[in-house]
Protein backbone atom coordinates (compact mmCIF):
# COMPACT_ATOMS: atom_id res chain seq x y z
CA MET A 1 1.83 -13.20 -50.77
CA THR A 2 -0.50 -15.37 -50.46
CA THR A 3 -4.48 -15.81 -50.23
CA VAL A 4 -5.19 -17.97 -47.01
CA ILE A 5 -7.87 -18.74 -44.42
CA ASN A 6 -7.56 -19.75 -40.61
CA ALA A 7 -9.84 -22.50 -39.58
CA ARG A 8 -10.19 -24.71 -36.60
CA PHE A 9 -11.22 -28.30 -36.46
CA LYS A 10 -12.74 -27.79 -32.99
CA PRO A 11 -13.85 -25.13 -30.40
CA GLY A 12 -10.95 -23.83 -28.65
CA GLY A 13 -8.34 -26.21 -30.82
CA LYS A 14 -5.12 -24.93 -32.88
CA GLU A 15 -5.93 -23.09 -35.96
CA TYR A 16 -4.52 -23.86 -39.50
CA SER A 17 -4.41 -22.23 -42.71
CA PHE A 18 -5.73 -23.41 -45.77
CA ASN A 19 -5.99 -22.15 -49.28
CA PRO A 20 -9.56 -20.92 -50.21
CA GLY A 21 -8.61 -20.84 -54.08
CA GLU A 22 -11.32 -19.27 -56.16
CA LEU A 23 -13.94 -19.08 -52.75
CA GLU A 24 -14.55 -16.26 -50.80
CA ILE A 25 -15.08 -17.38 -47.53
CA ALA A 26 -16.18 -15.08 -44.52
CA GLN A 27 -15.62 -15.60 -40.68
CA GLY A 28 -17.85 -18.16 -39.05
CA GLN A 29 -18.71 -20.32 -42.26
CA GLY A 30 -18.27 -24.11 -42.44
CA VAL A 31 -15.91 -26.02 -44.83
CA ILE A 32 -14.43 -28.89 -46.18
CA VAL A 33 -11.08 -28.94 -46.32
CA SER A 34 -8.16 -31.08 -47.18
CA THR A 35 -6.27 -32.98 -44.42
CA PRO A 36 -4.16 -36.40 -44.48
CA LYS A 37 -7.09 -38.35 -42.78
CA GLY A 38 -9.39 -37.31 -45.68
CA PRO A 39 -11.92 -34.49 -46.22
CA GLU A 40 -12.69 -33.13 -42.75
CA TYR A 41 -15.35 -30.19 -41.44
CA ALA A 42 -13.71 -27.17 -40.41
CA VAL A 43 -14.92 -23.59 -39.10
CA CYS A 44 -13.65 -20.42 -40.64
CA THR A 45 -11.87 -18.16 -37.75
CA GLN A 46 -10.60 -15.40 -40.52
CA GLY A 47 -11.72 -15.23 -43.98
CA ASN A 48 -9.33 -14.41 -47.01
CA HIS A 49 -6.42 -12.73 -46.08
CA PRO A 50 -2.99 -12.18 -47.88
CA VAL A 51 0.09 -13.91 -46.04
CA ASP A 52 3.73 -14.06 -46.43
CA GLU A 53 5.14 -17.06 -48.37
CA THR A 54 7.80 -17.60 -45.95
CA ALA A 55 5.52 -17.88 -42.48
CA LEU A 56 3.40 -20.73 -44.15
CA LEU A 57 4.12 -24.26 -43.66
CA SER A 58 3.94 -26.38 -46.68
CA PRO A 59 2.55 -27.88 -48.43
CA LEU A 60 -1.02 -25.86 -47.96
CA ARG A 61 -3.61 -27.72 -48.10
CA PRO A 62 -6.99 -26.49 -50.31
CA VAL A 63 -10.46 -25.72 -49.27
CA LEU A 64 -12.55 -28.30 -51.05
CA ARG A 65 -15.80 -26.64 -50.53
CA LEU A 66 -18.29 -24.85 -48.54
CA ALA A 67 -19.80 -27.11 -46.39
CA THR A 68 -24.02 -27.69 -46.14
CA ASP A 69 -26.06 -28.21 -43.16
CA ALA A 70 -25.33 -32.15 -43.98
CA ASP A 71 -21.78 -31.64 -43.02
CA LYS A 72 -21.80 -29.96 -39.98
CA PRO A 73 -21.16 -33.03 -37.29
CA LYS A 74 -24.07 -34.27 -35.27
CA PRO A 75 -23.76 -34.57 -31.87
CA GLU A 76 -23.07 -38.25 -30.36
CA PRO A 77 -26.10 -40.40 -29.45
CA PRO A 78 -26.48 -41.21 -26.06
CA ARG A 79 -26.02 -45.01 -26.56
CA GLU A 80 -22.19 -43.70 -27.14
CA ARG A 81 -21.76 -42.68 -23.61
CA VAL A 82 -21.02 -46.17 -22.35
CA LYS A 83 -18.18 -46.49 -25.20
CA THR A 84 -16.71 -43.35 -23.99
CA GLU A 85 -16.60 -44.29 -20.16
CA GLU A 86 -15.01 -47.41 -20.94
CA GLU A 87 -12.17 -45.63 -23.27
CA ARG A 88 -11.69 -43.34 -20.14
CA LYS A 89 -11.82 -46.14 -17.67
CA ARG A 90 -8.93 -47.78 -20.19
CA GLU A 91 -6.82 -44.61 -20.48
CA ARG A 92 -6.88 -44.37 -16.79
CA GLN A 93 -5.43 -48.20 -16.32
CA ALA A 94 -2.61 -47.44 -19.16
CA LEU A 95 -1.69 -44.08 -17.22
CA ALA A 96 -1.47 -46.06 -13.83
CA LYS A 97 0.25 -48.81 -15.41
CA CYS A 98 2.74 -46.22 -17.38
CA LYS A 99 3.07 -44.62 -13.87
CA GLU A 100 4.37 -47.97 -12.17
CA LEU A 101 6.94 -48.74 -14.52
CA VAL A 102 8.63 -44.97 -14.51
CA ALA A 103 8.68 -45.06 -11.10
CA GLN A 104 10.13 -48.96 -11.34
CA ARG A 105 12.60 -47.57 -13.51
CA GLY A 106 13.57 -44.44 -11.83
CA LEU A 107 12.97 -42.40 -14.61
CA GLU A 108 13.12 -38.45 -14.34
CA MET A 109 9.90 -37.85 -15.80
CA SER A 110 6.16 -36.82 -14.83
CA VAL A 111 3.40 -38.94 -17.02
CA VAL A 112 0.51 -36.42 -17.28
CA ARG A 113 -2.02 -38.02 -19.42
CA ALA A 114 -2.99 -40.98 -21.64
CA ASP A 115 -5.01 -41.01 -25.00
CA ILE A 116 -6.21 -44.48 -26.38
CA ASN A 117 -7.68 -43.80 -30.22
CA SER A 118 -11.15 -45.61 -31.07
CA ASP A 119 -9.80 -48.90 -32.33
CA GLY A 120 -7.62 -49.21 -29.06
CA GLY A 121 -4.45 -49.60 -31.70
CA LYS A 122 -2.19 -46.93 -30.42
CA ILE A 123 -1.86 -45.26 -26.99
CA LEU A 124 -0.47 -41.89 -27.09
CA PHE A 125 1.57 -40.62 -23.04
CA TYR A 126 1.72 -37.43 -22.76
CA PHE A 127 4.79 -36.24 -20.13
CA THR A 128 6.84 -33.64 -18.75
CA ALA A 129 11.05 -33.86 -17.84
CA GLU A 130 13.51 -31.26 -17.23
CA ASN A 131 16.45 -33.42 -19.01
CA ARG A 132 16.57 -35.70 -21.88
CA VAL A 133 14.63 -38.64 -21.45
CA ASP A 134 16.17 -42.64 -22.73
CA PHE A 135 12.42 -44.23 -22.11
CA ARG A 136 12.91 -46.74 -25.17
CA GLU A 137 12.90 -49.30 -22.74
CA LEU A 138 9.86 -48.64 -21.41
CA VAL A 139 8.40 -48.27 -24.76
CA LYS A 140 8.72 -51.80 -25.52
CA GLU A 141 7.52 -52.84 -22.02
CA LEU A 142 4.50 -50.73 -22.35
CA ALA A 143 4.04 -52.15 -26.04
CA SER A 144 4.26 -56.12 -24.44
CA THR A 145 1.76 -55.24 -21.79
CA PHE A 146 -1.06 -53.26 -23.77
CA HIS A 147 -0.33 -55.17 -27.34
CA ALA A 148 -1.00 -51.79 -29.24
CA ARG A 149 1.53 -49.01 -30.64
CA ILE A 150 3.27 -46.72 -28.17
CA GLU A 151 3.73 -43.23 -28.64
CA LEU A 152 5.69 -40.83 -25.65
CA ARG A 153 5.66 -37.06 -26.50
CA GLN A 154 6.92 -34.66 -24.14
CA ILE A 155 5.48 -31.69 -23.53
CA GLY A 156 6.08 -28.23 -21.69
CA VAL A 157 4.21 -27.54 -17.89
CA ARG A 158 1.86 -25.03 -19.75
CA ASP A 159 0.85 -27.78 -21.49
CA GLU A 160 0.44 -29.93 -18.71
CA THR A 161 -1.92 -27.07 -16.96
CA LYS A 162 -3.73 -26.57 -20.04
CA MET A 163 -4.43 -30.44 -20.00
CA LEU A 164 -5.22 -30.95 -16.40
CA GLY A 165 -7.50 -27.68 -15.75
CA GLY A 166 -8.34 -25.95 -12.79
CA LEU A 167 -9.51 -22.45 -11.50
CA GLY A 168 -7.02 -19.21 -11.29
CA ILE A 169 -6.61 -16.97 -8.56
CA CYS A 170 -9.49 -14.82 -10.47
CA GLY A 171 -11.97 -17.70 -9.44
CA GLN A 172 -12.39 -18.75 -13.27
CA PRO A 173 -11.03 -21.80 -15.32
CA TYR A 174 -7.93 -21.34 -16.78
CA CYS A 175 -7.61 -19.05 -19.66
CA CYS A 176 -5.68 -21.88 -21.41
CA CYS A 177 -8.40 -24.53 -20.90
CA ARG A 178 -10.97 -22.16 -22.38
CA PHE A 179 -9.97 -19.79 -25.16
CA LEU A 180 -6.39 -19.84 -25.37
CA ASP A 181 -4.66 -21.92 -28.39
CA LYS A 182 -1.52 -20.46 -28.45
CA PHE A 183 0.86 -19.53 -25.61
CA GLN A 184 2.44 -15.84 -26.01
CA PRO A 185 5.60 -15.09 -24.56
CA VAL A 186 5.06 -13.15 -20.81
CA SER A 187 8.34 -11.30 -19.72
CA ILE A 188 8.82 -9.72 -15.98
CA LYS A 189 8.86 -6.25 -17.62
CA MET A 190 5.36 -6.47 -17.92
CA ALA A 191 4.99 -6.81 -14.43
CA LYS A 192 7.23 -3.71 -13.79
CA THR A 193 5.50 -1.64 -16.37
CA GLN A 194 1.93 -2.35 -14.68
CA ASN A 195 3.23 -1.69 -11.32
CA LEU A 196 2.78 -4.97 -10.00
CA SER A 197 4.64 -6.95 -7.23
CA LEU A 198 7.54 -8.85 -8.34
CA ASN A 199 7.07 -11.67 -5.66
CA PRO A 200 6.90 -14.78 -8.17
CA THR A 201 4.09 -16.31 -5.94
CA LYS A 202 1.72 -13.74 -6.92
CA ILE A 203 2.34 -13.03 -10.56
CA SER A 204 2.65 -16.77 -11.42
CA GLY A 205 0.32 -19.25 -12.45
CA ALA A 206 0.02 -22.80 -11.24
CA CYS A 207 2.18 -24.01 -14.31
CA GLY A 208 5.01 -21.73 -12.38
CA ARG A 209 5.12 -19.36 -15.29
CA LEU A 210 4.16 -15.31 -15.41
CA MET A 211 0.74 -15.87 -15.77
CA CYS A 212 -0.88 -15.20 -19.40
CA CYS A 213 -3.21 -12.45 -18.35
CA LEU A 214 -0.41 -9.82 -18.05
CA LYS A 215 -0.49 -9.77 -21.83
CA TYR A 216 -3.82 -8.65 -22.02
CA GLU A 217 -3.40 -4.98 -20.46
CA GLN A 218 0.18 -4.53 -21.73
CA GLY A 219 -0.49 -2.08 -24.91
CA ALA A 220 -2.96 0.04 -22.40
CA TYR A 221 -0.11 0.05 -20.03
CA GLU A 222 2.16 0.85 -22.54
CA ASP A 223 0.38 3.42 -24.10
CA ALA A 224 -0.44 5.50 -20.45
CA VAL A 225 3.28 5.24 -19.81
CA LYS A 226 3.82 7.41 -22.73
CA ARG A 227 1.55 10.04 -21.71
CA CYS A 228 2.22 9.76 -18.13
CA PRO A 229 5.63 11.48 -16.41
CA LYS A 230 7.96 9.32 -14.65
CA LYS A 231 8.68 8.86 -11.23
CA GLU A 232 11.02 11.28 -9.32
CA SER A 233 9.89 14.07 -12.21
CA PHE A 234 10.11 17.77 -11.54
CA VAL A 235 6.44 19.13 -12.96
CA GLU A 236 4.29 22.00 -12.64
CA THR A 237 1.20 21.58 -11.03
CA PRO A 238 -1.87 23.99 -10.61
CA ASP A 239 -0.78 24.75 -6.85
CA GLY A 240 2.95 24.75 -7.81
CA PRO A 241 6.18 23.05 -8.95
CA GLY A 242 7.33 19.61 -7.36
CA THR A 243 8.17 16.57 -7.37
CA VAL A 244 6.27 13.19 -9.11
CA SER A 245 6.15 10.87 -5.86
CA ASP A 246 4.04 8.35 -7.78
CA VAL A 247 1.95 7.42 -10.81
CA ASN A 248 -1.36 5.54 -11.41
CA TYR A 249 -1.44 4.34 -14.70
CA LEU A 250 -4.94 2.83 -14.60
CA ARG A 251 -6.35 6.26 -13.53
CA GLU A 252 -3.78 8.35 -15.02
CA LYS A 253 -3.19 10.55 -11.73
CA VAL A 254 0.33 11.23 -10.06
CA LYS A 255 0.79 12.01 -6.78
CA VAL A 256 3.09 15.09 -6.32
CA ARG A 257 5.02 16.62 -3.39
CA ILE A 258 4.56 20.60 -3.90
CA GLU A 259 7.59 22.55 -3.03
CA ASN A 260 7.46 24.88 -0.07
CA GLY A 261 4.07 23.14 0.66
CA ASP A 262 2.69 20.19 3.02
CA GLU A 263 4.53 17.49 3.32
CA GLN A 264 1.66 15.16 2.30
CA PRO A 265 1.67 14.32 -1.52
CA LYS A 266 -1.10 16.01 -3.75
CA THR A 267 -3.15 14.15 -6.40
CA TYR A 268 -3.53 15.68 -9.52
CA TYR A 269 -4.94 14.25 -13.26
CA ASN A 270 -2.38 13.75 -15.89
CA GLN A 271 -3.75 16.58 -17.99
CA GLU A 272 -3.08 18.95 -15.09
CA ILE A 273 0.76 18.16 -14.94
CA ARG A 274 3.23 19.84 -16.65
CA ILE A 275 7.19 18.11 -16.87
CA ILE A 276 10.18 20.34 -16.84
CA ARG A 277 12.31 17.43 -16.03
CA SER A 278 11.55 13.75 -17.12
CA GLY A 279 13.17 11.36 -14.74
CA LYS A 280 15.35 11.92 -11.93
CA GLY A 281 18.22 14.55 -12.32
CA LYS A 282 18.99 18.17 -10.60
CA ARG A 283 16.70 20.94 -10.99
CA PRO A 284 16.99 23.13 -13.71
CA GLU A 285 19.40 26.26 -12.44
CA ASP A 286 17.34 28.61 -14.39
CA TYR A 287 13.99 27.43 -13.67
CA VAL A 288 11.66 30.28 -12.48
CA ALA A 289 8.56 29.21 -11.10
CA PRO A 290 5.71 31.02 -13.31
CA PRO A 291 2.88 33.45 -11.77
CA LYS A 292 0.36 31.74 -9.98
CA GLU A 293 -2.30 33.07 -12.35
CA GLU A 294 -0.69 30.80 -15.14
CA LEU A 295 -0.63 28.02 -13.14
CA GLU A 296 -4.14 27.88 -12.07
CA LYS A 297 -4.86 27.53 -16.04
CA LEU A 298 -3.88 24.02 -15.59
CA ARG A 299 -6.12 22.84 -13.37
CA TYR A 300 -8.38 20.13 -15.20
CA ILE A 301 -11.98 20.68 -15.82
CA PRO A 302 -14.21 17.47 -15.50
CA PRO A 303 -16.40 16.95 -19.08
CA GLU A 304 -19.85 17.31 -18.72
CA GLU A 305 -20.18 13.63 -18.10
CA GLU A 306 -18.20 13.56 -14.93
CA ARG A 307 -20.53 16.55 -13.37
CA ARG A 308 -23.50 14.98 -14.44
CA LEU A 309 -22.37 11.87 -12.21
CA SER A 310 -21.12 13.94 -9.67
CA ALA A 311 -24.10 15.99 -9.34
CA GLU A 312 -26.52 12.53 -9.25
CA PRO A 313 -27.93 11.99 -5.94
CA ARG A 314 -26.06 9.01 -4.38
CA SER A 315 -28.02 5.70 -3.16
CA SER A 316 -28.95 5.30 0.31
CA LEU A 317 -26.68 2.85 1.28
CA ALA A 318 -23.92 6.06 0.64
CA GLU A 319 -25.94 8.26 2.70
CA LYS A 320 -25.95 6.02 5.60
CA LEU A 321 -22.18 4.97 5.16
CA GLU A 322 -21.74 8.77 5.14
CA ALA A 323 -24.05 9.04 8.31
CA LEU A 324 -22.49 6.72 10.04
CA LEU A 325 -18.91 7.78 9.62
CA ALA A 326 -19.63 11.18 10.46
CA ASP A 327 -21.24 10.21 13.87
CA GLN A 328 -18.51 8.24 14.91
CA PRO A 329 -16.34 11.66 16.05
CA ARG A 330 -18.88 12.05 18.51
CA ARG A 331 -18.91 9.06 20.31
CA THR A 332 -15.66 10.32 22.13
CA PRO A 333 -16.33 11.58 25.77
CA THR A 334 -16.88 15.43 25.88
CA ARG A 335 -15.46 17.59 28.32
CA LYS A 336 -18.08 18.60 31.27
CA PRO A 337 -18.59 22.12 31.36
CA SER A 338 -17.31 23.87 34.57
CA HIS A 339 -20.45 25.92 36.70
CA ALA A 340 -19.43 28.46 38.73
CA GLY A 341 -21.31 29.86 42.14
CA PRO A 342 -20.75 28.23 45.41
CA ALA A 343 -24.45 27.11 45.90
CA ARG A 344 -23.31 23.98 43.52
CA ARG A 345 -20.33 23.38 45.05
CA ARG A 346 -21.56 23.16 48.42
CA ASN A 347 -24.12 20.37 47.09
CA GLY A 348 -22.57 17.36 49.32
CA HIS A 349 -20.15 16.30 46.63
CA PRO A 350 -16.71 15.59 47.70
CA GLY A 351 -13.70 17.35 46.59
CA GLY A 352 -15.65 20.53 45.53
CA GLN A 353 -16.67 18.73 42.36
CA SER A 354 -20.01 20.04 40.82
CA GLN A 355 -22.43 17.65 39.67
CA PRO A 356 -23.33 17.35 35.96
CA LYS A 357 -26.10 19.30 34.39
CA ALA A 358 -29.33 17.17 34.27
CA GLU A 359 -30.75 17.35 30.81
CA GLY A 360 -34.28 17.53 29.86
CA THR A 361 -36.21 14.87 28.70
CA LYS A 362 -37.46 14.73 24.81
CA GLY A 363 -40.04 17.55 24.69
CA GLN A 364 -39.30 19.01 27.82
CA PRO A 365 -36.53 22.04 27.81
CA SER A 366 -33.68 21.64 30.68
CA GLY A 367 -34.91 24.65 32.84
CA GLN A 368 -38.17 22.72 33.73
CA SER A 369 -35.74 19.91 35.07
CA ARG A 370 -33.42 22.13 36.89
CA GLY A 371 -37.09 23.71 38.44
CA HIS A 372 -38.18 20.32 39.53
CA ASN A 373 -34.99 19.53 41.21
CA HIS A 374 -35.11 23.01 42.84
CA ARG A 375 -38.58 22.28 44.46
CA ARG A 376 -37.63 18.77 45.51
CA ARG A 377 -34.69 20.31 47.26
CA ARG A 378 -36.83 22.99 48.99
CA GLY A 379 -39.37 20.27 50.01
CA GLN A 380 -36.70 18.05 51.75
CA SER A 381 -35.28 20.95 53.65
CA GLY A 382 -38.79 21.77 54.80
CA GLY A 383 -39.52 18.64 56.26
CA GLN A 384 -36.30 18.27 57.84
CA SER A 385 -36.97 21.45 59.57
CA GLY A 386 -40.65 20.62 60.61
CA ARG A 387 -39.14 17.58 62.58
CA GLU A 388 -36.96 19.54 64.26
CA GLY A 389 -39.68 21.86 65.26
């Protein structure tokens, strides 16, 4: 075993291992390390820790000393901004020229980016290709065009996405552009474990490969799978034995179809389930359902924290929404009450239908409204008889 430290030269860059020697270096400290270009400043990302010698790349370069405030890189002055823009302009021109030459020669490759060093003596082109490409003639023509040393480096589709950047379906910049310095392997098995859709368009990133974020919660789902029952398992619940129809690993809840019960599955916590048969298979022939009192002991009692949260008063918005939903069934038209008696049916309505009862206004009982109608009818009948007399 060898004691090493991990350090990176720029934020989000690749980590490298160095030999600290007799120095005790903590995470976050600045160090001066030996590189092929000479001493350079780096930031320690992992302090002294033992590593197997077979996992290290030789030779292991040493840490020269701890860095001071004077060793920290200073921000570029504003006057250097003009030079940087000129370099970017030259890189765009070099990239366009390289793409033009690739199209003319019909090479099956896609040029992603061009990098020019500070003195302009070397140009590095990054490209992607499905198969091996013979670009020797292309390098000669590029060298004669730019009068510089040309290097072409093939990269993968993930590296291409990291260079170009963009926004993911979550609305955030790509993880590989922000903090991922190494691409971890992601398999379709992770999507199956997390009960995600196996549609490639939904679980693939902009690079066309499976999304890197599938790896983040895989450990939590694997732990939940060990504790939760499988689908089609025969289990015991507080309401009786049944078969598991669905499992929610995120909330650790299961849906069970109770035997001799409703067809609608019931939802239970994982703590309320007792597994009799895991997965698909036949029901145990010698199985006898325990009494109701014993099954009732499986009922999950929420802890004090959940009880307190459930007892807290809800917000006014939640109360208004519940009131609105509760009023929706009342908006359906109700059946008109039937009124018996020949006096109602002889009130001049065709078909013998009775007139709907007039409801009183606010603050006035309905009886007063009916009395007012009776008085009006008597007044009308009296007026008619007076005219006849």
